[in-house]
N, C-alpha and C. Protein backbone atom coordinates (compact mmCIF):
# COMPACT_ATOMS: atom_id res chain seq x y z
N MET A 1 115.21 48.94 96.32
CA MET A 1 115.85 50.07 96.77
C MET A 1 115.27 51.31 96.07
N LYS A 2 114.97 51.18 94.76
CA LYS A 2 114.49 52.32 93.97
C LYS A 2 113.09 52.67 94.50
N LYS A 3 112.21 51.70 94.78
CA LYS A 3 110.95 51.96 95.30
C LYS A 3 110.90 52.73 96.59
N THR A 4 111.82 52.31 97.46
CA THR A 4 112.01 52.96 98.73
C THR A 4 112.40 54.43 98.54
N SER A 5 113.43 54.68 97.79
CA SER A 5 113.83 56.03 97.48
C SER A 5 112.76 56.80 96.86
N GLY A 6 112.02 56.27 95.90
CA GLY A 6 110.95 57.04 95.32
C GLY A 6 109.84 57.40 96.26
N LEU A 7 109.51 56.47 97.22
CA LEU A 7 108.52 56.69 98.19
C LEU A 7 108.97 57.75 99.18
N LEU A 8 110.22 57.75 99.53
CA LEU A 8 110.77 58.68 100.51
C LEU A 8 110.71 60.12 99.82
N ILE A 9 111.13 60.19 98.60
CA ILE A 9 111.12 61.47 97.86
C ILE A 9 109.67 61.97 97.74
N SER A 10 108.71 61.11 97.48
CA SER A 10 107.29 61.52 97.35
C SER A 10 106.85 62.09 98.66
N LEU A 11 107.18 61.41 99.76
CA LEU A 11 106.74 61.86 101.09
C LEU A 11 107.41 63.23 101.44
N LEU A 12 108.62 63.47 101.08
CA LEU A 12 109.24 64.70 101.39
C LEU A 12 108.61 65.86 100.59
N VAL A 13 108.35 65.59 99.32
CA VAL A 13 107.71 66.59 98.45
C VAL A 13 106.38 66.97 98.97
N THR A 14 105.63 65.96 99.37
CA THR A 14 104.24 66.20 99.90
C THR A 14 104.28 66.98 101.17
N ALA A 15 105.20 66.66 102.02
CA ALA A 15 105.31 67.35 103.35
C ALA A 15 105.77 68.80 103.09
N SER A 16 106.71 69.00 102.23
CA SER A 16 107.17 70.40 101.99
C SER A 16 106.15 71.17 101.22
N ALA A 17 105.26 70.61 100.44
CA ALA A 17 104.19 71.27 99.80
C ALA A 17 103.19 71.92 100.84
N GLY A 18 102.90 71.08 101.91
CA GLY A 18 102.06 71.52 102.94
C GLY A 18 102.63 72.68 103.65
N VAL A 19 103.90 72.72 103.89
CA VAL A 19 104.56 73.81 104.61
C VAL A 19 104.57 74.99 103.67
N TYR A 20 104.84 74.72 102.49
CA TYR A 20 104.82 75.84 101.45
C TYR A 20 103.45 76.60 101.36
N ALA A 21 102.38 75.78 101.37
CA ALA A 21 101.01 76.36 101.33
C ALA A 21 100.73 77.12 102.58
N GLU A 22 101.14 76.49 103.71
CA GLU A 22 100.82 77.16 105.03
C GLU A 22 101.55 78.52 105.17
N SER A 23 102.81 78.58 104.72
CA SER A 23 103.51 79.85 104.93
C SER A 23 102.91 80.95 103.97
N ASN A 24 102.47 80.53 102.76
CA ASN A 24 101.80 81.53 101.91
C ASN A 24 100.47 81.92 102.38
N LEU A 25 99.80 80.95 102.95
CA LEU A 25 98.45 81.26 103.53
C LEU A 25 98.62 82.27 104.67
N ASP A 26 99.63 81.99 105.49
CA ASP A 26 99.90 82.93 106.66
C ASP A 26 100.20 84.36 106.05
N ALA A 27 101.02 84.37 105.06
CA ALA A 27 101.33 85.72 104.45
C ALA A 27 100.07 86.38 103.85
N ALA A 28 99.19 85.61 103.22
CA ALA A 28 97.96 86.19 102.66
C ALA A 28 97.05 86.70 103.73
N LEU A 29 96.95 85.95 104.86
CA LEU A 29 96.11 86.41 106.00
C LEU A 29 96.75 87.68 106.65
N LYS A 30 98.06 87.74 106.72
CA LYS A 30 98.69 88.93 107.33
C LYS A 30 98.37 90.14 106.47
N HIS A 31 98.52 90.06 105.15
CA HIS A 31 98.27 91.11 104.29
C HIS A 31 96.81 91.55 104.20
N ALA A 32 95.91 90.46 104.29
CA ALA A 32 94.48 90.81 104.23
C ALA A 32 94.05 91.50 105.47
N GLU A 33 94.61 91.19 106.65
CA GLU A 33 94.23 91.82 107.88
C GLU A 33 94.76 93.28 107.89
N ALA A 34 95.99 93.47 107.23
CA ALA A 34 96.50 94.87 107.13
C ALA A 34 95.61 95.67 106.15
N ALA A 35 95.10 94.99 105.12
CA ALA A 35 94.22 95.62 104.17
C ALA A 35 92.92 96.06 104.87
N LEU A 36 92.47 95.25 105.73
CA LEU A 36 91.24 95.44 106.43
C LEU A 36 91.38 96.68 107.44
N GLU A 37 92.60 96.67 108.01
CA GLU A 37 92.83 97.83 108.94
C GLU A 37 92.90 99.16 108.21
N GLU A 38 93.51 99.16 107.00
CA GLU A 38 93.51 100.38 106.24
C GLU A 38 92.15 100.70 105.66
N GLY A 39 91.28 99.70 105.38
CA GLY A 39 89.93 99.95 105.00
C GLY A 39 89.10 100.67 106.04
N HIS A 40 89.41 100.26 107.27
CA HIS A 40 88.66 100.90 108.38
C HIS A 40 89.16 102.36 108.55
N LYS A 41 90.33 102.67 108.06
CA LYS A 41 90.82 104.06 108.00
C LYS A 41 90.46 104.81 106.81
N ASN A 42 89.65 104.17 105.88
CA ASN A 42 89.25 104.72 104.60
C ASN A 42 90.52 105.10 103.73
N ASN A 43 91.48 104.28 103.70
CA ASN A 43 92.69 104.54 102.99
C ASN A 43 92.72 103.52 101.82
N ALA A 44 92.08 103.89 100.75
CA ALA A 44 91.94 102.91 99.58
C ALA A 44 93.21 102.57 98.92
N ALA A 45 94.19 103.41 98.90
CA ALA A 45 95.55 103.17 98.25
C ALA A 45 96.28 102.10 99.09
N LYS A 46 96.33 102.22 100.39
CA LYS A 46 97.01 101.24 101.18
C LYS A 46 96.25 99.97 101.25
N LEU A 47 94.88 99.98 101.24
CA LEU A 47 94.11 98.81 101.26
C LEU A 47 94.41 98.00 99.96
N SER A 48 94.46 98.71 98.83
CA SER A 48 94.80 98.08 97.56
C SER A 48 96.16 97.47 97.54
N LEU A 49 97.14 98.08 98.16
CA LEU A 49 98.47 97.55 98.20
C LEU A 49 98.54 96.31 99.05
N HIS A 50 97.93 96.26 100.13
CA HIS A 50 97.93 95.05 100.99
C HIS A 50 97.08 93.96 100.37
N ALA A 51 95.95 94.36 99.71
CA ALA A 51 95.11 93.37 99.11
C ALA A 51 95.87 92.71 97.91
N LYS A 52 96.71 93.40 97.22
CA LYS A 52 97.52 92.84 96.17
C LYS A 52 98.54 91.85 96.70
N GLY A 53 99.15 92.16 97.81
CA GLY A 53 100.04 91.23 98.53
C GLY A 53 99.29 90.00 98.95
N ALA A 54 98.10 90.16 99.52
CA ALA A 54 97.34 89.02 99.98
C ALA A 54 96.97 88.19 98.76
N LEU A 55 96.57 88.85 97.68
CA LEU A 55 96.15 88.10 96.53
C LEU A 55 97.28 87.25 95.95
N ASP A 56 98.49 87.77 95.89
CA ASP A 56 99.64 87.06 95.34
C ASP A 56 99.89 85.87 96.24
N SER A 57 99.95 86.08 97.54
CA SER A 57 100.22 84.96 98.45
C SER A 57 99.13 83.91 98.38
N ALA A 58 97.88 84.38 98.31
CA ALA A 58 96.77 83.37 98.17
C ALA A 58 96.83 82.57 96.93
N LEU A 59 97.13 83.10 95.88
CA LEU A 59 97.29 82.40 94.63
C LEU A 59 98.39 81.45 94.63
N THR A 60 99.47 81.79 95.30
CA THR A 60 100.61 80.89 95.40
C THR A 60 100.23 79.76 96.36
N ALA A 61 99.54 79.97 97.40
CA ALA A 61 99.16 78.92 98.36
C ALA A 61 98.11 78.00 97.66
N SER A 62 97.36 78.58 96.76
CA SER A 62 96.31 77.77 96.13
C SER A 62 96.83 76.63 95.25
N ILE A 63 98.03 76.93 94.71
CA ILE A 63 98.73 75.98 93.85
C ILE A 63 98.87 74.63 94.42
N VAL A 64 99.28 74.57 95.74
CA VAL A 64 99.51 73.27 96.41
C VAL A 64 98.43 72.85 97.42
N ALA A 65 97.43 73.82 97.65
CA ALA A 65 96.39 73.50 98.57
C ALA A 65 95.48 72.35 98.03
N LYS A 66 94.68 71.81 98.96
CA LYS A 66 93.79 70.76 98.56
C LYS A 66 92.45 70.92 99.21
N SER A 67 91.44 70.34 98.63
CA SER A 67 90.08 70.11 99.16
C SER A 67 89.43 71.44 99.61
N ILE A 68 88.85 71.45 100.80
CA ILE A 68 88.10 72.55 101.28
C ILE A 68 88.98 73.79 101.44
N SER A 69 90.13 73.64 101.93
CA SER A 69 91.10 74.70 102.06
C SER A 69 91.35 75.38 100.71
N LYS A 70 91.56 74.67 99.67
CA LYS A 70 91.74 75.23 98.37
C LYS A 70 90.50 76.08 97.91
N ASN A 71 89.30 75.55 98.18
CA ASN A 71 88.09 76.25 97.86
C ASN A 71 88.01 77.68 98.56
N HIS A 72 88.37 77.67 99.84
CA HIS A 72 88.34 78.89 100.58
C HIS A 72 89.41 79.88 100.10
N ILE A 73 90.64 79.37 99.76
CA ILE A 73 91.66 80.22 99.27
C ILE A 73 91.27 80.78 97.96
N ASN A 74 90.70 80.10 97.08
CA ASN A 74 90.24 80.52 95.73
C ASN A 74 89.13 81.56 95.92
N ALA A 75 88.22 81.29 96.77
CA ALA A 75 87.16 82.34 97.09
C ALA A 75 87.75 83.63 97.62
N ALA A 76 88.76 83.47 98.54
CA ALA A 76 89.43 84.71 99.06
C ALA A 76 90.11 85.43 97.91
N ALA A 77 90.74 84.71 97.04
CA ALA A 77 91.36 85.36 95.89
C ALA A 77 90.44 86.18 95.07
N GLN A 78 89.26 85.63 94.80
CA GLN A 78 88.28 86.28 93.99
C GLN A 78 87.76 87.60 94.68
N VAL A 79 87.57 87.46 95.90
CA VAL A 79 87.03 88.61 96.73
C VAL A 79 88.17 89.68 96.87
N LEU A 80 89.41 89.26 97.02
CA LEU A 80 90.51 90.23 97.08
C LEU A 80 90.64 90.96 95.75
N GLN A 81 90.50 90.24 94.65
CA GLN A 81 90.44 91.04 93.29
C GLN A 81 89.38 91.96 93.27
N LYS A 82 88.22 91.69 93.76
CA LYS A 82 87.06 92.56 93.80
C LYS A 82 87.37 93.81 94.70
N ALA A 83 88.04 93.53 95.79
CA ALA A 83 88.44 94.63 96.74
C ALA A 83 89.47 95.60 95.99
N ILE A 84 90.36 95.05 95.29
CA ILE A 84 91.31 95.89 94.54
C ILE A 84 90.62 96.70 93.53
N ASP A 85 89.66 96.15 92.85
CA ASP A 85 88.88 96.89 91.84
C ASP A 85 87.99 97.99 92.51
N ASP A 86 87.38 97.67 93.61
CA ASP A 86 86.59 98.60 94.32
C ASP A 86 87.39 99.78 94.87
N SER A 87 88.60 99.44 95.36
CA SER A 87 89.46 100.46 95.88
C SER A 87 89.96 101.44 94.82
N ALA A 88 90.22 100.86 93.59
CA ALA A 88 90.55 101.68 92.47
C ALA A 88 89.42 102.64 92.06
N LEU A 89 88.25 102.35 92.40
CA LEU A 89 87.10 103.22 92.12
C LEU A 89 86.74 104.09 93.32
N ASN A 90 87.64 104.06 94.30
CA ASN A 90 87.43 104.85 95.57
C ASN A 90 86.18 104.45 96.28
N GLN A 91 85.77 103.21 96.19
CA GLN A 91 84.66 102.70 96.95
C GLN A 91 85.18 102.00 98.20
N ASP A 92 85.61 102.84 99.20
CA ASP A 92 86.28 102.26 100.39
C ASP A 92 85.31 101.28 101.19
N ALA A 93 84.12 101.63 101.31
CA ALA A 93 83.22 100.74 102.12
C ALA A 93 83.10 99.36 101.45
N ALA A 94 82.85 99.40 100.14
CA ALA A 94 82.74 98.12 99.42
C ALA A 94 84.01 97.31 99.50
N ALA A 95 85.08 97.94 99.30
CA ALA A 95 86.46 97.24 99.34
C ALA A 95 86.77 96.70 100.71
N THR A 96 86.30 97.47 101.72
CA THR A 96 86.55 96.94 103.12
C THR A 96 85.68 95.69 103.41
N LYS A 97 84.48 95.79 102.97
CA LYS A 97 83.54 94.64 103.06
C LYS A 97 84.14 93.39 102.33
N ASP A 98 84.71 93.66 101.14
CA ASP A 98 85.30 92.59 100.35
C ASP A 98 86.47 91.95 101.17
N VAL A 99 87.32 92.71 101.70
CA VAL A 99 88.48 92.30 102.44
C VAL A 99 87.99 91.54 103.68
N GLU A 100 86.93 91.96 104.37
CA GLU A 100 86.43 91.26 105.48
C GLU A 100 86.09 89.79 105.10
N GLU A 101 85.39 89.72 103.97
CA GLU A 101 84.98 88.38 103.47
C GLU A 101 86.20 87.56 103.18
N ALA A 102 87.26 88.13 102.53
CA ALA A 102 88.48 87.47 102.24
C ALA A 102 89.16 86.94 103.46
N VAL A 103 89.25 87.77 104.50
CA VAL A 103 89.81 87.41 105.76
C VAL A 103 89.11 86.19 106.36
N ASN A 104 87.76 86.18 106.30
CA ASN A 104 86.98 85.08 106.80
C ASN A 104 87.39 83.80 106.03
N HIS A 105 87.39 83.84 104.71
CA HIS A 105 87.80 82.70 103.90
C HIS A 105 89.17 82.17 104.17
N LEU A 106 90.06 83.10 104.43
CA LEU A 106 91.49 82.69 104.67
C LEU A 106 91.57 82.00 106.09
N LYS A 107 90.81 82.52 107.00
CA LYS A 107 90.80 81.87 108.33
C LYS A 107 90.17 80.46 108.24
N GLN A 108 89.15 80.31 107.42
CA GLN A 108 88.50 78.98 107.25
C GLN A 108 89.49 77.98 106.54
N ALA A 109 90.33 78.55 105.62
CA ALA A 109 91.29 77.78 104.98
C ALA A 109 92.35 77.19 105.96
N LYS A 110 92.65 77.92 106.94
CA LYS A 110 93.67 77.53 107.97
C LYS A 110 93.17 76.39 108.85
N LYS A 111 91.91 76.20 108.94
CA LYS A 111 91.37 75.23 109.83
C LYS A 111 91.70 73.88 109.44
């Protein structure tokens, strides 16, 4: 009986972790796309704000992600941090390019 209960609990935790990662990945992609939109408007402040939201969600998703998906999420997080840094230096074009790369990584992570 204990083995069955333990197995059931393990399955539920694993299933909920996947849902948890997916919802955070969706939030990261939503923020990254909003940051990209602001980048096309040359609005570094709003780009940075959305990039920070995307970074937070990506880092949270990375905690439970696995395999290739985790690699893409981590790569997106690195590029989002670079975008935040570039936007702080008012380098809108570089920050926008960084966010484009992050969006691509996040989309790959969803596959």
